[in-house]
Amino acid sequence: MEEVKVVSHDGASSIAEIFRSSCENPKGVIVCLPAMGVPRKLYRPFAQKLSEAGFHVINFELRGIDSSSIRPGRNVDFGYAHFLKYDLPAYVELAGSTFDALP
């Protein structure tokens, strides 16, 4: 597993974990979308199993959790729409640039 800092399209950042399959012919790439409020570390066993099954996995967390540069507060307003508009595209770009020849 390797860690990579990902900067979203609005400047927020967090750490993604990349699990590379050791299979000779990986089946594809899975971007693991976490539940709201759940840190990425809880998805590590799942990501590891997917990797062992032949998939590369990008595991990350939503803004406001652990490695995120943004913290909820009175003057900080964000929601799931921010994730869809800013964060998810950055993680999909990471998957494409890291594993460009795989679905």
C-alpha atoms as a PDB file:
ATOM      1  CA  MET A   1       0.000   0.000   0.000  1.00  0.00           C
ATOM      2  CA  GLU A   2       1.254   3.461  -0.845  1.00  0.00           C
ATOM      3  CA  GLU A   3      -0.098   6.828   0.218  1.00  0.00           C
ATOM      4  CA  VAL A   4      -0.577   9.764  -2.160  1.00  0.00           C
ATOM      5  CA  LYS A   5      -1.732  13.299  -1.396  1.00  0.00           C
ATOM      6  CA  VAL A   6      -4.645  14.259  -3.633  1.00  0.00           C
ATOM      7  CA  VAL A   7      -5.714  17.865  -4.141  1.00  0.00           C
ATOM      8  CA  SER A   8      -9.356  18.357  -5.113  1.00  0.00           C
ATOM      9  CA  HIS A   9     -10.484  20.857  -7.720  1.00  0.00           C
ATOM     10  CA  ASP A  10     -11.294  23.454  -5.045  1.00  0.00           C
ATOM     11  CA  GLY A  11      -7.955  23.110  -3.233  1.00  0.00           C
ATOM     12  CA  ALA A  12      -8.975  20.737  -0.432  1.00  0.00           C
ATOM     13  CA  SER A  13      -6.615  17.813   0.041  1.00  0.00           C
ATOM     14  CA  SER A  14      -6.481  14.398   1.655  1.00  0.00           C
ATOM     15  CA  ILE A  15      -4.477  11.194   1.470  1.00  0.00           C
ATOM     16  CA  ALA A  16      -5.395   8.316  -0.822  1.00  0.00           C
ATOM     17  CA  GLU A  17      -4.133   4.795  -0.347  1.00  0.00           C
ATOM     18  CA  ILE A  18      -3.229   2.796  -3.434  1.00  0.00           C
ATOM     19  CA  PHE A  19      -3.371  -0.967  -3.192  1.00  0.00           C
ATOM     20  CA  ARG A  20      -1.662  -2.531  -6.205  1.00  0.00           C
ATOM     21  CA  SER A  21      -2.630  -6.050  -7.135  1.00  0.00           C
ATOM     22  CA  SER A  22       0.235  -8.470  -7.496  1.00  0.00           C
ATOM     23  CA  CYS A  23      -1.638 -10.333 -10.250  1.00  0.00           C
ATOM     24  CA  GLU A  24       0.141 -10.574 -13.580  1.00  0.00           C
ATOM     25  CA  ASN A  25      -2.999  -9.392 -15.383  1.00  0.00           C
ATOM     26  CA  PRO A  26      -5.051  -7.151 -13.044  1.00  0.00           C
ATOM     27  CA  LYS A  27      -8.793  -7.102 -13.719  1.00  0.00           C
ATOM     28  CA  GLY A  28      -9.270  -3.352 -13.301  1.00  0.00           C
ATOM     29  CA  VAL A  29      -9.254  -0.450 -10.884  1.00  0.00           C
ATOM     30  CA  ILE A  30     -11.736   0.118  -8.076  1.00  0.00           C
ATOM     31  CA  VAL A  31     -12.172   3.559  -6.518  1.00  0.00           C
ATOM     32  CA  CYS A  32     -13.535   2.734  -3.071  1.00  0.00           C
ATOM     33  CA  LEU A  33     -16.177   5.290  -2.074  1.00  0.00           C
ATOM     34  CA  PRO A  34     -16.405   5.519   1.716  1.00  0.00           C
ATOM     35  CA  ALA A  35     -19.492   6.073   3.813  1.00  0.00           C
ATOM     36  CA  MET A  36     -19.937   9.566   5.227  1.00  0.00           C
ATOM     37  CA  GLY A  37     -18.017  10.041   8.448  1.00  0.00           C
ATOM     38  CA  VAL A  38     -16.023   6.815   8.064  1.00  0.00           C
ATOM     39  CA  PRO A  39     -12.205   7.027   7.915  1.00  0.00           C
ATOM     40  CA  ARG A  40     -10.349   5.212   5.152  1.00  0.00           C
ATOM     41  CA  LYS A  41      -8.514   2.969   7.627  1.00  0.00           C
ATOM     42  CA  LEU A  42     -11.736   0.998   8.175  1.00  0.00           C
ATOM     43  CA  TYR A  43     -11.759   0.088   4.470  1.00  0.00           C
ATOM     44  CA  ARG A  44      -8.173  -1.238   4.414  1.00  0.00           C
ATOM     45  CA  PRO A  45      -9.103  -4.912   4.947  1.00  0.00           C
ATOM     46  CA  PHE A  46     -11.696  -4.668   2.161  1.00  0.00           C
ATOM     47  CA  ALA A  47      -9.233  -2.917  -0.176  1.00  0.00           C
ATOM     48  CA  GLN A  48      -6.611  -5.562   0.602  1.00  0.00           C
ATOM     49  CA  LYS A  49      -9.041  -8.385  -0.255  1.00  0.00           C
ATOM     50  CA  LEU A  50      -9.964  -6.677  -3.537  1.00  0.00           C
ATOM     51  CA  SER A  51      -6.267  -6.322  -4.327  1.00  0.00           C
ATOM     52  CA  GLU A  52      -5.684  -9.998  -3.608  1.00  0.00           C
ATOM     53  CA  ALA A  53      -8.624 -10.800  -5.923  1.00  0.00           C
ATOM     54  CA  GLY A  54      -6.865  -9.067  -8.835  1.00  0.00           C
ATOM     55  CA  PHE A  55      -7.933  -5.429  -8.657  1.00  0.00           C
ATOM     56  CA  HIS A  56      -5.951  -2.266  -8.040  1.00  0.00           C
ATOM     57  CA  VAL A  57      -7.752  -0.150  -5.417  1.00  0.00           C
ATOM     58  CA  ILE A  58      -7.790   3.575  -4.638  1.00  0.00           C
ATOM     59  CA  ASN A  59      -8.986   4.018  -1.043  1.00  0.00           C
ATOM     60  CA  PHE A  60      -9.717   7.513   0.246  1.00  0.00           C
ATOM     61  CA  GLU A  61     -11.788   9.467   2.707  1.00  0.00           C
ATOM     62  CA  LEU A  62     -14.272  12.270   2.393  1.00  0.00           C
ATOM     63  CA  ARG A  63     -13.468  15.840   3.349  1.00  0.00           C
ATOM     64  CA  GLY A  64     -13.598  16.539   7.054  1.00  0.00           C
ATOM     65  CA  ILE A  65     -12.227  13.114   8.043  1.00  0.00           C
ATOM     66  CA  ASP A  66      -8.700  12.294   9.340  1.00  0.00           C
ATOM     67  CA  SER A  67      -6.261  13.313   6.571  1.00  0.00           C
ATOM     68  CA  SER A  68      -8.526  15.960   5.037  1.00  0.00           C
ATOM     69  CA  SER A  69      -7.249  19.533   5.001  1.00  0.00           C
ATOM     70  CA  ILE A  70     -10.783  20.726   5.745  1.00  0.00           C
ATOM     71  CA  ARG A  71     -12.429  20.454   9.148  1.00  0.00           C
ATOM     72  CA  PRO A  72     -16.095  21.077   9.852  1.00  0.00           C
ATOM     73  CA  GLY A  73     -16.832  24.212  11.816  1.00  0.00           C
ATOM     74  CA  ARG A  74     -19.058  27.246  12.107  1.00  0.00           C
ATOM     75  CA  ASN A  75     -17.425  28.986   9.175  1.00  0.00           C
ATOM     76  CA  VAL A  76     -16.795  25.879   7.081  1.00  0.00           C
ATOM     77  CA  ASP A  77     -19.719  24.610   5.067  1.00  0.00           C
ATOM     78  CA  PHE A  78     -19.494  21.525   2.869  1.00  0.00           C
ATOM     79  CA  GLY A  79     -21.582  18.505   2.062  1.00  0.00           C
ATOM     80  CA  TYR A  80     -21.891  15.545  -0.245  1.00  0.00           C
ATOM     81  CA  ALA A  81     -22.328  17.859  -3.250  1.00  0.00           C
ATOM     82  CA  HIS A  82     -18.774  19.159  -2.665  1.00  0.00           C
ATOM     83  CA  PHE A  83     -17.504  15.607  -2.692  1.00  0.00           C
ATOM     84  CA  LEU A  84     -19.246  14.887  -6.004  1.00  0.00           C
ATOM     85  CA  LYS A  85     -18.186  18.142  -7.656  1.00  0.00           C
ATOM     86  CA  TYR A  86     -14.611  18.497  -6.383  1.00  0.00           C
ATOM     87  CA  ASP A  87     -13.245  15.405  -4.663  1.00  0.00           C
ATOM     88  CA  LEU A  88     -14.506  12.459  -6.702  1.00  0.00           C
ATOM     89  CA  PRO A  89     -13.176  13.846 -10.021  1.00  0.00           C
ATOM     90  CA  ALA A  90      -9.721  14.236  -8.438  1.00  0.00           C
ATOM     91  CA  TYR A  91      -9.743  10.602  -7.291  1.00  0.00           C
ATOM     92  CA  VAL A  92     -10.950   9.348 -10.664  1.00  0.00           C
ATOM     93  CA  GLU A  93      -8.130  11.342 -12.291  1.00  0.00           C
ATOM     94  CA  LEU A  94      -5.674   9.698  -9.892  1.00  0.00           C
ATOM     95  CA  ALA A  95      -6.973   6.267 -10.902  1.00  0.00           C
ATOM     96  CA  GLY A  96      -6.688   7.139 -14.600  1.00  0.00           C
ATOM     97  CA  SER A  97      -3.194   8.583 -14.354  1.00  0.00           C
ATOM     98  CA  THR A  98      -1.920   5.729 -12.180  1.00  0.00           C
ATOM     99  CA  PHE A  99      -3.571   2.844 -14.047  1.00  0.00           C
ATOM    100  CA  ASP A 100      -4.305   4.333 -17.475  1.00  0.00           C
ATOM    101  CA  ALA A 101      -4.705   1.082 -19.425  1.00  0.00           C
ATOM    102  CA  LEU A 102      -7.241  -0.544 -17.097  1.00  0.00           C
ATOM    103  CA  PRO A 103     -11.004  -0.157 -16.749  1.00  0.00           C
END
